[in-house]
């Protein structure tokens, strides 16, 4: 039976990532996933824009659909 392990979370700065991973015993060849926190300006823009988008009658599903469509369009250009 395969042993299931829980993910570990390390909060650090970009400049300290390698040192923090090494300190935590993560092998240099081990795959890792890093999530980048958005800049504060992005959070502020979203907070500013969301009520206006809703006022125009758009739903979260509409927005998600458009984002997916645009993502697919850009990806097709990169192939």
C-alpha atoms as a PDB file:
ATOM      1  CA  UNK A   1       0.000   0.000   0.000  1.00  0.00           C
ATOM      2  CA  UNK A   2       1.278   3.481  -0.856  1.00  0.00           C
ATOM      3  CA  UNK A   3       1.826   5.803   2.053  1.00  0.00           C
ATOM      4  CA  UNK A   4      -0.093   9.058   1.643  1.00  0.00           C
ATOM      5  CA  UNK A   5       1.666  12.129   2.965  1.00  0.00           C
ATOM      6  CA  UNK A   6       0.182  15.499   3.707  1.00  0.00           C
ATOM      7  CA  UNK A   7       1.622  18.568   1.997  1.00  0.00           C
ATOM      8  CA  UNK A   8       3.884  20.811   4.033  1.00  0.00           C
ATOM      9  CA  UNK A   9       3.583  24.566   3.875  1.00  0.00           C
ATOM     10  CA  UNK A  10       6.524  26.905   4.273  1.00  0.00           C
ATOM     11  CA  UNK A  11       5.997  30.646   4.299  1.00  0.00           C
ATOM     12  CA  UNK A  12       9.074  32.572   3.242  1.00  0.00           C
ATOM     13  CA  UNK A  13      10.309  35.317   0.937  1.00  0.00           C
ATOM     14  CA  UNK A  14      11.504  34.742  -2.629  1.00  0.00           C
ATOM     15  CA  UNK A  15      15.078  35.441  -1.584  1.00  0.00           C
ATOM     16  CA  UNK A  16      14.982  32.842   1.176  1.00  0.00           C
ATOM     17  CA  UNK A  17      13.141  29.994  -0.575  1.00  0.00           C
ATOM     18  CA  UNK A  18      16.188  27.806  -1.347  1.00  0.00           C
ATOM     19  CA  UNK A  19      17.615  28.221   2.141  1.00  0.00           C
ATOM     20  CA  UNK A  20      14.263  27.490   3.775  1.00  0.00           C
ATOM     21  CA  UNK A  21      13.724  24.353   1.689  1.00  0.00           C
ATOM     22  CA  UNK A  22      17.223  23.091   2.499  1.00  0.00           C
ATOM     23  CA  UNK A  23      16.692  23.847   6.188  1.00  0.00           C
ATOM     24  CA  UNK A  24      13.455  21.856   6.038  1.00  0.00           C
ATOM     25  CA  UNK A  25      15.269  18.836   4.591  1.00  0.00           C
ATOM     26  CA  UNK A  26      13.865  19.089   1.060  1.00  0.00           C
ATOM     27  CA  UNK A  27      16.280  17.489  -1.410  1.00  0.00           C
ATOM     28  CA  UNK A  28      17.499  19.847  -4.160  1.00  0.00           C
ATOM     29  CA  UNK A  29      16.108  17.456  -6.826  1.00  0.00           C
ATOM     30  CA  UNK A  30      12.682  17.053  -5.210  1.00  0.00           C
ATOM     31  CA  UNK A  31       9.855  18.712  -7.150  1.00  0.00           C
ATOM     32  CA  UNK A  32       8.182  21.547  -5.270  1.00  0.00           C
ATOM     33  CA  UNK A  33       5.227  23.802  -5.958  1.00  0.00           C
ATOM     34  CA  UNK A  34       5.459  27.476  -5.066  1.00  0.00           C
ATOM     35  CA  UNK A  35       2.437  29.785  -4.870  1.00  0.00           C
ATOM     36  CA  UNK A  36       3.125  33.466  -5.411  1.00  0.00           C
ATOM     37  CA  UNK A  37       1.001  35.819  -3.335  1.00  0.00           C
ATOM     38  CA  UNK A  38      -0.492  38.655  -5.388  1.00  0.00           C
ATOM     39  CA  UNK A  39       0.808  42.143  -4.849  1.00  0.00           C
ATOM     40  CA  UNK A  40      -1.396  44.348  -2.724  1.00  0.00           C
ATOM     41  CA  UNK A  41      -2.306  46.443  -5.763  1.00  0.00           C
ATOM     42  CA  UNK A  42      -3.908  43.453  -7.438  1.00  0.00           C
ATOM     43  CA  UNK A  43      -6.060  42.776  -4.393  1.00  0.00           C
ATOM     44  CA  UNK A  44      -7.083  46.427  -4.336  1.00  0.00           C
ATOM     45  CA  UNK A  45      -7.949  46.441  -8.036  1.00  0.00           C
ATOM     46  CA  UNK A  46     -10.117  43.352  -7.619  1.00  0.00           C
ATOM     47  CA  UNK A  47     -11.883  44.883  -4.630  1.00  0.00           C
ATOM     48  CA  UNK A  48     -12.495  48.055  -6.652  1.00  0.00           C
ATOM     49  CA  UNK A  49     -13.659  46.275  -9.831  1.00  0.00           C
ATOM     50  CA  UNK A  50     -15.861  43.516  -8.431  1.00  0.00           C
ATOM     51  CA  UNK A  51     -18.891  45.689  -7.483  1.00  0.00           C
ATOM     52  CA  UNK A  52     -18.795  47.345 -10.902  1.00  0.00           C
ATOM     53  CA  UNK A  53     -18.700  43.997 -12.699  1.00  0.00           C
ATOM     54  CA  UNK A  54     -21.637  42.757 -10.623  1.00  0.00           C
ATOM     55  CA  UNK A  55     -23.529  46.001 -11.306  1.00  0.00           C
ATOM     56  CA  UNK A  56     -23.198  45.266 -15.032  1.00  0.00           C
ATOM     57  CA  UNK A  57     -25.020  41.978 -14.466  1.00  0.00           C
ATOM     58  CA  UNK A  58     -22.028  39.645 -14.770  1.00  0.00           C
ATOM     59  CA  UNK A  59     -21.709  36.618 -12.538  1.00  0.00           C
ATOM     60  CA  UNK A  60     -18.612  34.883 -11.219  1.00  0.00           C
ATOM     61  CA  UNK A  61     -19.324  32.100 -13.710  1.00  0.00           C
ATOM     62  CA  UNK A  62     -19.343  34.616 -16.582  1.00  0.00           C
ATOM     63  CA  UNK A  63     -16.010  36.002 -15.474  1.00  0.00           C
ATOM     64  CA  UNK A  64     -14.500  32.519 -15.046  1.00  0.00           C
ATOM     65  CA  UNK A  65     -15.739  31.532 -18.511  1.00  0.00           C
ATOM     66  CA  UNK A  66     -14.185  34.598 -20.142  1.00  0.00           C
ATOM     67  CA  UNK A  67     -10.895  34.059 -18.323  1.00  0.00           C
ATOM     68  CA  UNK A  68     -10.847  30.430 -19.509  1.00  0.00           C
ATOM     69  CA  UNK A  69     -11.632  31.462 -23.088  1.00  0.00           C
ATOM     70  CA  UNK A  70      -8.868  34.065 -23.120  1.00  0.00           C
ATOM     71  CA  UNK A  71      -6.432  31.638 -21.523  1.00  0.00           C
ATOM     72  CA  UNK A  72      -7.187  29.078 -24.229  1.00  0.00           C
ATOM     73  CA  UNK A  73      -6.773  31.731 -26.946  1.00  0.00           C
ATOM     74  CA  UNK A  74      -3.369  32.772 -25.637  1.00  0.00           C
ATOM     75  CA  UNK A  75      -2.239  29.157 -25.230  1.00  0.00           C
ATOM     76  CA  UNK A  76      -3.175  28.379 -28.826  1.00  0.00           C
ATOM     77  CA  UNK A  77      -0.962  31.255 -29.982  1.00  0.00           C
ATOM     78  CA  UNK A  78       1.984  29.822 -28.068  1.00  0.00           C
ATOM     79  CA  UNK A  79       1.826  26.423 -29.782  1.00  0.00           C
END
